PDB file of N, CA and C in Angstrom:
ATOM      1  N   MET A   1      34.675  34.093 -27.174  1.00  0.00           N
ATOM      2  CA  MET A   1      33.876  34.370 -25.712  1.00  0.00           C
ATOM      3  C   MET A   1      35.033  34.823 -24.728  1.00  0.00           C
ATOM      4  N   ALA A   2      34.835  35.877 -24.145  1.00  0.00           N
ATOM      5  CA  ALA A   2      36.202  36.485 -23.087  1.00  0.00           C
ATOM      6  C   ALA A   2      36.563  35.665 -21.830  1.00  0.00           C
ATOM      7  N   LEU A   3      35.517  34.843 -21.765  1.00  0.00           N
ATOM      8  CA  LEU A   3      35.693  33.912 -20.151  1.00  0.00           C
ATOM      9  C   LEU A   3      36.862  32.926 -20.883  1.00  0.00           C
ATOM     10  N   ALA A   4      36.319  32.119 -21.553  1.00  0.00           N
ATOM     11  CA  ALA A   4      37.381  31.388 -22.309  1.00  0.00           C
ATOM     12  C   ALA A   4      38.710  31.764 -22.753  1.00  0.00           C
ATOM     13  N   ARG A   5      39.005  32.640 -23.663  1.00  0.00           N
ATOM     14  CA  ARG A   5      40.105  32.843 -23.693  1.00  0.00           C
ATOM     15  C   ARG A   5      40.943  33.553 -22.413  1.00  0.00           C
ATOM     16  N   ARG A   6      40.605  33.919 -21.376  1.00  0.00           N
ATOM     17  CA  ARG A   6      40.719  34.376 -20.361  1.00  0.00           C
ATOM     18  C   ARG A   6      41.246  33.318 -19.545  1.00  0.00           C
ATOM     19  N   VAL A   7      40.904  32.495 -19.589  1.00  0.00           N
ATOM     20  CA  VAL A   7      41.054  31.214 -18.502  1.00  0.00           C
ATOM     21  C   VAL A   7      41.831  29.573 -19.357  1.00  0.00           C
ATOM     22  N   GLN A   8      41.856  30.369 -20.905  1.00  0.00           N
ATOM     23  CA  GLN A   8      42.810  30.091 -21.564  1.00  0.00           C
ATOM     24  C   GLN A   8      42.258  28.088 -21.977  1.00  0.00           C
ATOM     25  N   ILE A   9      40.695  28.580 -22.207  1.00  0.00           N
ATOM     26  CA  ILE A   9      39.913  26.662 -22.525  1.00  0.00           C
ATOM     27  C   ILE A   9      39.261  26.968 -23.808  1.00  0.00           C
ATOM     28  N   ASN A  10      38.613  26.032 -24.768  1.00  0.00           N
ATOM     29  CA  ASN A  10      37.895  26.181 -25.515  1.00  0.00           C
ATOM     30  C   ASN A  10      36.790  26.448 -25.368  1.00  0.00           C
ATOM     31  N   VAL A  11      36.021  27.204 -26.047  1.00  0.00           N
ATOM     32  CA  VAL A  11      34.604  27.922 -26.096  1.00  0.00           C
ATOM     33  C   VAL A  11      33.573  26.951 -25.534  1.00  0.00           C
ATOM     34  N   SER A  12      34.068  25.832 -26.848  1.00  0.00           N
ATOM     35  CA  SER A  12      32.856  24.193 -26.579  1.00  0.00           C
ATOM     36  C   SER A  12      33.274  23.959 -25.746  1.00  0.00           C
ATOM     37  N   GLN A  13      34.048  23.599 -24.970  1.00  0.00           N
ATOM     38  CA  GLN A  13      34.888  23.317 -23.595  1.00  0.00           C
ATOM     39  C   GLN A  13      33.765  23.967 -22.381  1.00  0.00           C
ATOM     40  N   LEU A  14      33.816  25.097 -22.683  1.00  0.00           N
ATOM     41  CA  LEU A  14      33.232  26.203 -21.529  1.00  0.00           C
ATOM     42  C   LEU A  14      31.790  25.873 -21.424  1.00  0.00           C
ATOM     43  N   ARG A  15      31.080  25.617 -22.631  1.00  0.00           N
ATOM     44  CA  ARG A  15      29.828  25.281 -23.097  1.00  0.00           C
ATOM     45  C   ARG A  15      29.296  24.298 -22.218  1.00  0.00           C
ATOM     46  N   ARG A  16      30.306  23.103 -21.998  1.00  0.00           N
ATOM     47  CA  ARG A  16      29.778  22.224 -21.904  1.00  0.00           C
ATOM     48  C   ARG A  16      29.777  22.024 -20.092  1.00  0.00           C
ATOM     49  N   TYR A  17      30.915  22.771 -19.570  1.00  0.00           N
ATOM     50  CA  TYR A  17      30.424  23.022 -18.394  1.00  0.00           C
ATOM     51  C   TYR A  17      29.516  23.798 -17.755  1.00  0.00           C
ATOM     52  N   GLU A  18      29.603  24.584 -18.610  1.00  0.00           N
ATOM     53  CA  GLU A  18      28.151  25.530 -17.873  1.00  0.00           C
ATOM     54  C   GLU A  18      26.656  24.760 -18.261  1.00  0.00           C
ATOM     55  N   ALA A  19      26.587  23.806 -19.264  1.00  0.00           N
ATOM     56  CA  ALA A  19      25.508  22.894 -19.385  1.00  0.00           C
ATOM     57  C   ALA A  19      25.192  21.836 -18.217  1.00  0.00           C
ATOM     58  N   GLY A  20      26.411  21.443 -17.662  1.00  0.00           N
ATOM     59  CA  GLY A  20      26.536  20.593 -17.048  1.00  0.00           C
ATOM     60  C   GLY A  20      26.860  19.282 -17.622  1.00  0.00           C
ATOM     61  N   ALA A  21      27.392  19.089 -18.620  1.00  0.00           N
ATOM     62  CA  ALA A  21      27.805  17.759 -19.810  1.00  0.00           C
ATOM     63  C   ALA A  21      29.155  17.748 -19.394  1.00  0.00           C
ATOM     64  N   ALA A  22      30.075  18.429 -18.511  1.00  0.00           N
ATOM     65  CA  ALA A  22      31.492  18.153 -18.332  1.00  0.00           C
ATOM     66  C   ALA A  22      31.454  19.056 -16.958  1.00  0.00           C
ATOM     67  N   GLU A  23      32.728  18.235 -16.440  1.00  0.00           N
ATOM     68  CA  GLU A  23      33.285  19.106 -15.146  1.00  0.00           C
ATOM     69  C   GLU A  23      34.691  19.553 -15.336  1.00  0.00           C
ATOM     70  N   PRO A  24      34.974  20.674 -14.982  1.00  0.00           N
ATOM     71  CA  PRO A  24      36.516  20.959 -15.343  1.00  0.00           C
ATOM     72  C   PRO A  24      37.170  20.582 -14.056  1.00  0.00           C
ATOM     73  N   SER A  25      38.272  20.168 -14.729  1.00  0.00           N
ATOM     74  CA  SER A  25      39.900  19.741 -14.216  1.00  0.00           C
ATOM     75  C   SER A  25      40.106  20.485 -12.460  1.00  0.00           C
ATOM     76  N   LEU A  26      40.572  20.315 -11.869  1.00  0.00           N
ATOM     77  CA  LEU A  26      40.870  21.278 -10.619  1.00  0.00           C
ATOM     78  C   LEU A  26      42.014  22.415 -10.857  1.00  0.00           C
ATOM     79  N   GLY A  27      42.696  22.262 -11.958  1.00  0.00           N
ATOM     80  CA  GLY A  27      43.665  23.458 -12.250  1.00  0.00           C
ATOM     81  C   GLY A  27      42.295  24.456 -13.269  1.00  0.00           C
ATOM     82  N   VAL A  28      41.503  23.769 -14.239  1.00  0.00           N
ATOM     83  CA  VAL A  28      40.474  24.552 -15.034  1.00  0.00           C
ATOM     84  C   VAL A  28      39.639  25.465 -13.752  1.00  0.00           C
ATOM     85  N   LEU A  29      39.290  24.638 -12.776  1.00  0.00           N
ATOM     86  CA  LEU A  29      38.165  25.320 -11.926  1.00  0.00           C
ATOM     87  C   LEU A  29      39.120  26.477 -10.981  1.00  0.00           C
ATOM     88  N   ARG A  30      40.305  26.533 -10.718  1.00  0.00           N
ATOM     89  CA  ARG A  30      41.117  27.620 -10.145  1.00  0.00           C
ATOM     90  C   ARG A  30      41.371  28.427 -10.855  1.00  0.00           C
ATOM     91  N   ARG A  31      41.542  28.406 -12.574  1.00  0.00           N
ATOM     92  CA  ARG A  31      41.467  29.386 -13.448  1.00  0.00           C
ATOM     93  C   ARG A  31      40.265  29.815 -13.806  1.00  0.00           C
ATOM     94  N   LEU A  32      39.090  29.022 -13.842  1.00  0.00           N
ATOM     95  CA  LEU A  32      38.033  30.064 -13.835  1.00  0.00           C
ATOM     96  C   LEU A  32      37.743  30.915 -12.572  1.00  0.00           C
ATOM     97  N   ALA A  33      37.774  30.420 -11.609  1.00  0.00           N
ATOM     98  CA  ALA A  33      37.665  31.232 -10.078  1.00  0.00           C
ATOM     99  C   ALA A  33      38.452  32.400 -10.411  1.00  0.00           C
ATOM    100  N   THR A  34      39.861  32.355 -10.340  1.00  0.00           N
ATOM    101  CA  THR A  34      40.313  33.581 -10.438  1.00  0.00           C
ATOM    102  C   THR A  34      40.172  34.323 -12.056  1.00  0.00           C
ATOM    103  N   GLY A  35      39.738  33.736 -13.254  1.00  0.00           N
ATOM    104  CA  GLY A  35      38.994  34.693 -14.207  1.00  0.00           C
ATOM    105  C   GLY A  35      38.041  35.454 -13.415  1.00  0.00           C
ATOM    106  N   LEU A  36      36.826  34.610 -13.028  1.00  0.00           N
ATOM    107  CA  LEU A  36      35.952  35.393 -12.586  1.00  0.00           C
ATOM    108  C   LEU A  36      35.787  36.224 -11.088  1.00  0.00           C
ATOM    109  N   SER A  37      37.246  36.104 -10.736  1.00  0.00           N
ATOM    110  CA  SER A  37      37.000  36.898  -9.415  1.00  0.00           C
ATOM    111  C   SER A  37      36.357  36.491  -8.182  1.00  0.00           C
ATOM    112  N   VAL A  38      35.973  34.903  -7.997  1.00  0.00           N
ATOM    113  CA  VAL A  38      35.322  34.736  -7.335  1.00  0.00           C
ATOM    114  C   VAL A  38      36.448  33.956  -6.549  1.00  0.00           C
ATOM    115  N   SER A  39      35.158  32.844  -5.210  1.00  0.00           N
ATOM    116  CA  SER A  39      36.016  31.967  -5.016  1.00  0.00           C
ATOM    117  C   SER A  39      35.776  30.525  -5.379  1.00  0.00           C
ATOM    118  N   SER A  40      36.639  29.351  -5.295  1.00  0.00           N
ATOM    119  CA  SER A  40      36.195  28.241  -6.331  1.00  0.00           C
ATOM    120  C   SER A  40      35.022  27.516  -5.499  1.00  0.00           C
ATOM    121  N   ASP A  41      34.912  27.936  -4.030  1.00  0.00           N
ATOM    122  CA  ASP A  41      33.637  27.582  -3.181  1.00  0.00           C
ATOM    123  C   ASP A  41      32.226  27.622  -3.819  1.00  0.00           C
ATOM    124  N   LEU A  42      32.662  29.351  -4.576  1.00  0.00           N
ATOM    125  CA  LEU A  42      31.159  29.673  -5.299  1.00  0.00           C
ATOM    126  C   LEU A  42      30.704  29.064  -6.375  1.00  0.00           C
ATOM    127  N   LEU A  43      32.110  28.712  -7.256  1.00  0.00           N
ATOM    128  CA  LEU A  43      31.416  27.498  -8.396  1.00  0.00           C
ATOM    129  C   LEU A  43      31.263  26.159  -8.136  1.00  0.00           C
ATOM    130  N   VAL A  44      31.740  25.769  -6.854  1.00  0.00           N
ATOM    131  CA  VAL A  44      31.521  24.204  -6.505  1.00  0.00           C
ATOM    132  C   VAL A  44      30.146  24.233  -6.265  1.00  0.00           C
ATOM    133  N   PHE A  45      30.168  24.634  -4.818  1.00  0.00           N
ATOM    134  CA  PHE A  45      28.598  24.318  -4.145  1.00  0.00           C
ATOM    135  C   PHE A  45      27.672  25.303  -3.827  1.00  0.00           C
ATOM    136  N   ASP A  46      26.632  24.732  -3.781  1.00  0.00           N
ATOM    137  CA  ASP A  46      25.079  25.711  -3.822  1.00  0.00           C
ATOM    138  C   ASP A  46      25.170  26.742  -2.795  1.00  0.00           C
ATOM    139  N   THR A  47      24.911  27.692  -2.731  1.00  0.00           N
ATOM    140  CA  THR A  47      24.675  29.432  -1.843  1.00  0.00           C
ATOM    141  C   THR A  47      24.950  28.428  -0.600  1.00  0.00           C
ATOM    142  N   ASP A  48      23.535  27.618  -0.427  1.00  0.00           N
ATOM    143  CA  ASP A  48      23.261  27.351   1.689  1.00  0.00           C
ATOM    144  C   ASP A  48      23.792  25.800   1.784  1.00  0.00           C
ATOM    145  N   GLU A  49      24.645  25.335   0.517  1.00  0.00           N
ATOM    146  CA  GLU A  49      25.207  24.193   0.852  1.00  0.00           C
ATOM    147  C   GLU A  49      26.537  23.936   2.110  1.00  0.00           C
ATOM    148  N   ARG A  50      27.038  25.268   2.094  1.00  0.00           N
ATOM    149  CA  ARG A  50      28.297  25.002   3.386  1.00  0.00           C
ATOM    150  C   ARG A  50      27.958  25.930   4.147  1.00  0.00           C
ATOM    151  N   VAL A  51      26.434  26.424   4.653  1.00  0.00           N
ATOM    152  CA  VAL A  51      25.913  26.846   5.931  1.00  0.00           C
ATOM    153  C   VAL A  51      25.248  26.039   6.853  1.00  0.00           C
ATOM    154  N   PRO A  52      25.489  25.576   8.213  1.00  0.00           N
ATOM    155  CA  PRO A  52      24.177  25.225   8.746  1.00  0.00           C
ATOM    156  C   PRO A  52      23.025  25.397   8.489  1.00  0.00           C
ATOM    157  N   SER A  53      22.202  23.732   8.544  1.00  0.00           N
ATOM    158  CA  SER A  53      20.580  23.666   8.470  1.00  0.00           C
ATOM    159  C   SER A  53      20.312  24.382   9.556  1.00  0.00           C
ATOM    160  N   ASN A  54      20.766  24.230  10.591  1.00  0.00           N
ATOM    161  CA  ASN A  54      19.595  24.765  11.687  1.00  0.00           C
ATOM    162  C   ASN A  54      20.230  26.296  11.805  1.00  0.00           C
ATOM    163  N   ASP A  55      18.638  26.591  11.568  1.00  0.00           N
ATOM    164  CA  ASP A  55      18.680  28.364  11.409  1.00  0.00           C
ATOM    165  C   ASP A  55      19.499  28.984  12.789  1.00  0.00           C
ATOM    166  N   ALA A  56      18.915  28.770  13.918  1.00  0.00           N
ATOM    167  CA  ALA A  56      20.073  29.368  15.209  1.00  0.00           C
ATOM    168  C   ALA A  56      21.603  28.890  15.118  1.00  0.00           C
ATOM    169  N   LEU A  57      21.978  28.012  14.926  1.00  0.00           N
ATOM    170  CA  LEU A  57      23.407  27.720  14.374  1.00  0.00           C
ATOM    171  C   LEU A  57      23.926  28.847  13.226  1.00  0.00           C
ATOM    172  N   ARG A  58      22.933  28.721  12.221  1.00  0.00           N
ATOM    173  CA  ARG A  58      23.539  29.833  11.090  1.00  0.00           C
ATOM    174  C   ARG A  58      23.576  31.231  11.787  1.00  0.00           C
ATOM    175  N   LEU A  59      22.037  31.578  12.095  1.00  0.00           N
ATOM    176  CA  LEU A  59      22.778  33.496  12.694  1.00  0.00           C
ATOM    177  C   LEU A  59      23.601  33.577  13.628  1.00  0.00           C
ATOM    178  N   ALA A  60      24.125  32.256  14.588  1.00  0.00           N
ATOM    179  CA  ALA A  60      25.051  32.148  15.730  1.00  0.00           C
ATOM    180  C   ALA A  60      26.274  32.664  14.825  1.00  0.00           C
ATOM    181  N   PHE A  61      26.479  31.675  13.825  1.00  0.00           N
ATOM    182  CA  PHE A  61      27.593  31.793  13.214  1.00  0.00           C
ATOM    183  C   PHE A  61      27.708  33.229  12.045  1.00  0.00           C
ATOM    184  N   GLU A  62      26.775  33.514  11.856  1.00  0.00           N
ATOM    185  CA  GLU A  62      27.078  35.023  10.887  1.00  0.00           C
ATOM    186  C   GLU A  62      27.285  35.943  11.962  1.00  0.00           C
ATOM    187  N   ALA A  63      26.563  35.945  13.263  1.00  0.00           N
ATOM    188  CA  ALA A  63      26.753  37.097  14.324  1.00  0.00           C
ATOM    189  C   ALA A  63      27.867  36.954  14.598  1.00  0.00           C
ATOM    190  N   THR A  64      29.322  36.066  14.542  1.00  0.00           N
ATOM    191  CA  THR A  64      30.568  36.123  15.048  1.00  0.00           C
ATOM    192  C   THR A  64      31.221  37.310  13.869  1.00  0.00           C
ATOM    193  N   ASP A  65      30.522  37.226  12.485  1.00  0.00           N
ATOM    194  CA  ASP A  65      31.444  38.706  12.059  1.00  0.00           C
ATOM    195  C   ASP A  65      31.481  39.878  12.973  1.00  0.00           C
ATOM    196  N   HIS A  66      30.642  40.244  13.530  1.00  0.00           N
ATOM    197  CA  HIS A  66      30.277  41.321  14.355  1.00  0.00           C
ATOM    198  C   HIS A  66      31.475  41.413  15.483  1.00  0.00           C
ATOM    199  N   LEU A  67      32.267  40.269  15.854  1.00  0.00           N
ATOM    200  CA  LEU A  67      33.179  39.911  16.737  1.00  0.00           C
ATOM    201  C   LEU A  67      34.274  40.587  16.535  1.00  0.00           C
ATOM    202  N   ASP A  68      35.045  41.100  17.349  1.00  0.00           N
ATOM    203  CA  ASP A  68      36.453  41.506  17.420  1.00  0.00           C
ATOM    204  C   ASP A  68      37.281  40.149  16.993  1.00  0.00           C
ATOM    205  N   SER A  69      38.686  40.228  16.389  1.00  0.00           N
ATOM    206  CA  SER A  69      39.326  39.442  15.974  1.00  0.00           C
ATOM    207  C   SER A  69      39.753  38.234  17.539  1.00  0.00           C
ATOM    208  N   ASP A  70      39.933  38.891  18.342  1.00  0.00           N
ATOM    209  CA  ASP A  70      39.987  38.013  19.564  1.00  0.00           C
ATOM    210  C   ASP A  70      38.978  37.122  20.172  1.00  0.00           C
ATOM    211  N   GLU A  71      37.614  37.988  19.713  1.00  0.00           N
ATOM    212  CA  GLU A  71      36.747  36.725  20.252  1.00  0.00           C
ATOM    213  C   GLU A  71      36.572  35.629  19.037  1.00  0.00           C
ATOM    214  N   GLN A  72      36.687  36.386  17.906  1.00  0.00           N
ATOM    215  CA  GLN A  72      36.296  35.006  16.785  1.00  0.00           C
ATOM    216  C   GLN A  72      37.676  34.044  17.053  1.00  0.00           C
ATOM    217  N   GLN A  73      38.328  34.551  17.254  1.00  0.00           N
ATOM    218  CA  GLN A  73      39.396  33.279  17.693  1.00  0.00           C
ATOM    219  C   GLN A  73      38.945  32.447  18.903  1.00  0.00           C
ATOM    220  N   ALA A  74      38.292  33.126  20.051  1.00  0.00           N
ATOM    221  CA  ALA A  74      38.333  32.153  21.643  1.00  0.00           C
ATOM    222  C   ALA A  74      36.792  31.175  20.580  1.00  0.00           C
ATOM    223  N   VAL A  75      35.726  31.870  19.785  1.00  0.00           N
ATOM    224  CA  VAL A  75      34.785  31.063  19.394  1.00  0.00           C
ATOM    225  C   VAL A  75      34.896  29.994  18.649  1.00  0.00           C
ATOM    226  N   GLN A  76      36.238  30.104  17.520  1.00  0.00           N
ATOM    227  CA  GLN A  76      37.068  29.248  17.023  1.00  0.00           C
ATOM    228  C   GLN A  76      37.685  27.938  17.729  1.00  0.00           C
ATOM    229  N   VAL A  77      37.960  28.526  18.724  1.00  0.00           N
ATOM    230  CA  VAL A  77      39.055  27.695  19.529  1.00  0.00           C
ATOM    231  C   VAL A  77      37.779  26.694  20.801  1.00  0.00           C
ATOM    232  N   VAL A  78      36.676  27.597  21.188  1.00  0.00           N
ATOM    233  CA  VAL A  78      35.920  26.165  21.670  1.00  0.00           C
ATOM    234  C   VAL A  78      35.072  25.903  20.695  1.00  0.00           C
ATOM    235  N   LEU A  79      34.873  25.842  19.379  1.00  0.00           N
ATOM    236  CA  LEU A  79      34.331  25.104  18.469  1.00  0.00           C
ATOM    237  C   LEU A  79      34.929  24.004  18.031  1.00  0.00           C
ATOM    238  N   GLU A  80      36.589  24.581  17.873  1.00  0.00           N
ATOM    239  CA  GLU A  80      37.492  23.162  17.724  1.00  0.00           C
ATOM    240  C   GLU A  80      37.822  22.276  19.017  1.00  0.00           C
ATOM    241  N   GLY A  81      37.139  22.329  19.609  1.00  0.00           N
ATOM    242  CA  GLY A  81      37.268  21.564  21.366  1.00  0.00           C
ATOM    243  C   GLY A  81      35.738  20.904  21.062  1.00  0.00           C
ATOM    244  N   PHE A  82      34.990  21.285  21.004  1.00  0.00           N
ATOM    245  CA  PHE A  82      33.662  20.522  20.848  1.00  0.00           C
ATOM    246  C   PHE A  82      33.807  19.479  19.485  1.00  0.00           C
ATOM    247  N   LEU A  83      34.413  20.035  18.811  1.00  0.00           N
ATOM    248  CA  LEU A  83      34.603  18.720  17.320  1.00  0.00           C
ATOM    249  C   LEU A  83      35.575  17.534  17.853  1.00  0.00           C
ATOM    250  N   ALA A  84      36.743  18.403  18.391  1.00  0.00           N
ATOM    251  CA  ALA A  84      37.753  17.217  18.474  1.00  0.00           C
ATOM    252  C   ALA A  84      36.796  16.332  19.515  1.00  0.00           C
ATOM    253  N   ARG A  85      35.814  16.800  20.280  1.00  0.00           N
ATOM    254  CA  ARG A  85      35.277  15.810  21.635  1.00  0.00           C
ATOM    255  C   ARG A  85      34.795  14.439  20.692  1.00  0.00           C
ATOM    256  N   HIS A  86      33.678  15.428  19.865  1.00  0.00           N
ATOM    257  CA  HIS A  86      32.904  14.829  19.054  1.00  0.00           C
ATOM    258  C   HIS A  86      33.819  13.357  18.557  1.00  0.00           C
ATOM    259  N   GLU A  87      34.447  13.773  17.937  1.00  0.00           N
ATOM    260  CA  GLU A  87      35.448  12.937  16.660  1.00  0.00           C
ATOM    261  C   GLU A  87      36.327  12.349  17.715  1.00  0.00           C
ATOM    262  N   ALA A  88      36.597  12.121  19.052  1.00  0.00           N
ATOM    263  CA  ALA A  88      36.780  11.360  20.036  1.00  0.00           C
ATOM    264  C   ALA A  88      36.349  10.479  20.338  1.00  0.00           C
ATOM    265  N   ARG A  89      34.860  10.419  20.543  1.00  0.00           N
ATOM    266  CA  ARG A  89      33.668   9.853  20.636  1.00  0.00           C
ATOM    267  C   ARG A  89      33.464   8.485  19.929  1.00  0.00           C
ATOM    268  N   LEU A  90      33.994   9.244  18.407  1.00  0.00           N
ATOM    269  CA  LEU A  90      33.534   8.456  17.590  1.00  0.00           C
ATOM    270  C   LEU A  90      35.092   7.599  16.544  1.00  0.00           C
ATOM    271  N   GLY A  91      35.956   7.559  17.707  1.00  0.00           N
ATOM    272  CA  GLY A  91      36.919   7.070  17.282  1.00  0.00           C
ATOM    273  C   GLY A  91      37.512   7.654  15.862  1.00  0.00           C
ATOM    274  N   GLY A  92      37.875   8.785  15.984  1.00  0.00           N
ATOM    275  CA  GLY A  92      38.407   9.505  14.968  1.00  0.00           C
ATOM    276  C   GLY A  92      37.535   9.878  13.590  1.00  0.00           C
ATOM    277  N   GLU A  93      36.459   9.351  13.686  1.00  0.00           N
ATOM    278  CA  GLU A  93      35.696   9.714  12.540  1.00  0.00           C
ATOM    279  C   GLU A  93      34.681  11.014  12.839  1.00  0.00           C
ATOM    280  N   GLY A  94      34.628  11.931  12.265  1.00  0.00           N
ATOM    281  CA  GLY A  94      33.485  12.954  12.713  1.00  0.00           C
ATOM    282  C   GLY A  94      32.989  13.610  11.688  1.00  0.00           C
ATOM    283  N   PRO A  95      32.496  14.670  11.694  1.00  0.00           N
ATOM    284  CA  PRO A  95      31.937  15.626  10.922  1.00  0.00           C
ATOM    285  C   PRO A  95      32.944  16.295  10.156  1.00  0.00           C
ATOM    286  N   ARG A  96      34.244  16.386  10.212  1.00  0.00           N
ATOM    287  CA  ARG A  96      35.398  17.225   9.252  1.00  0.00           C
ATOM    288  C   ARG A  96      35.654  15.919   8.627  1.00  0.00           C
ATOM    289  N   GLY A  97      35.681  14.440   8.495  1.00  0.00           N
ATOM    290  CA  GLY A  97      36.347  13.507   8.024  1.00  0.00           C
ATOM    291  C   GLY A  97      36.650  12.726   8.809  1.00  0.00           C
ATOM    292  N   PRO A  98      37.536  11.999   8.212  1.00  0.00           N
ATOM    293  CA  PRO A  98      38.491  10.987   8.918  1.00  0.00           C
ATOM    294  C   PRO A  98      39.598  11.740   9.444  1.00  0.00           C
ATOM    295  N   LYS A  99      40.264  11.650  11.204  1.00  0.00           N
ATOM    296  CA  LYS A  99      41.316  12.204  11.559  1.00  0.00           C
ATOM    297  C   LYS A  99      42.545  12.488  11.073  1.00  0.00           C
ATOM    298  N   THR A 100      42.809  13.560  10.852  1.00  0.00           N
ATOM    299  CA  THR A 100      44.300  13.651  10.450  1.00  0.00           C
ATOM    300  C   THR A 100      44.777  14.674  11.449  1.00  0.00           C
ATOM    301  N   LYS A 101      46.385  15.049  11.155  1.00  0.00           N
ATOM    302  CA  LYS A 101      47.351  15.474  12.263  1.00  0.00           C
ATOM    303  C   LYS A 101      47.002  17.131  11.817  1.00  0.00           C
ATOM    304  N   ARG A 102      46.362  17.960  12.609  1.00  0.00           N
ATOM    305  CA  ARG A 102      46.087  19.243  12.370  1.00  0.00           C
ATOM    306  C   ARG A 102      46.884  20.118  12.966  1.00  0.00           C
ATOM    307  N   GLU A 103      46.950  21.760  12.432  1.00  0.00           N
ATOM    308  CA  GLU A 103      47.640  22.608  12.769  1.00  0.00           C
ATOM    309  C   GLU A 103      47.232  23.483  14.126  1.00  0.00           C
TER     310      GLU A 103
END
């Protein structure tokens, strides 16, 4: 199988991944994503798993693709502010996980 050769794993191991009988290590996952020319998110998450379940929010986020880079940056700053406020109310625990140093 060409993919197995490309990512340097045994064909039987690739079949186990495909069947869900085994999970690849992070290194193999990276090689699979590169070998398939896709993001690792595409291999790890279901298609709708990383988008808001609220339809209005999902549509609003999709609409930001049509904004210019300055407008997108402004949306990101506002959203980060809301998320930081939410995390502060929860004592550092919020939708993005435990509070860590952010750049």
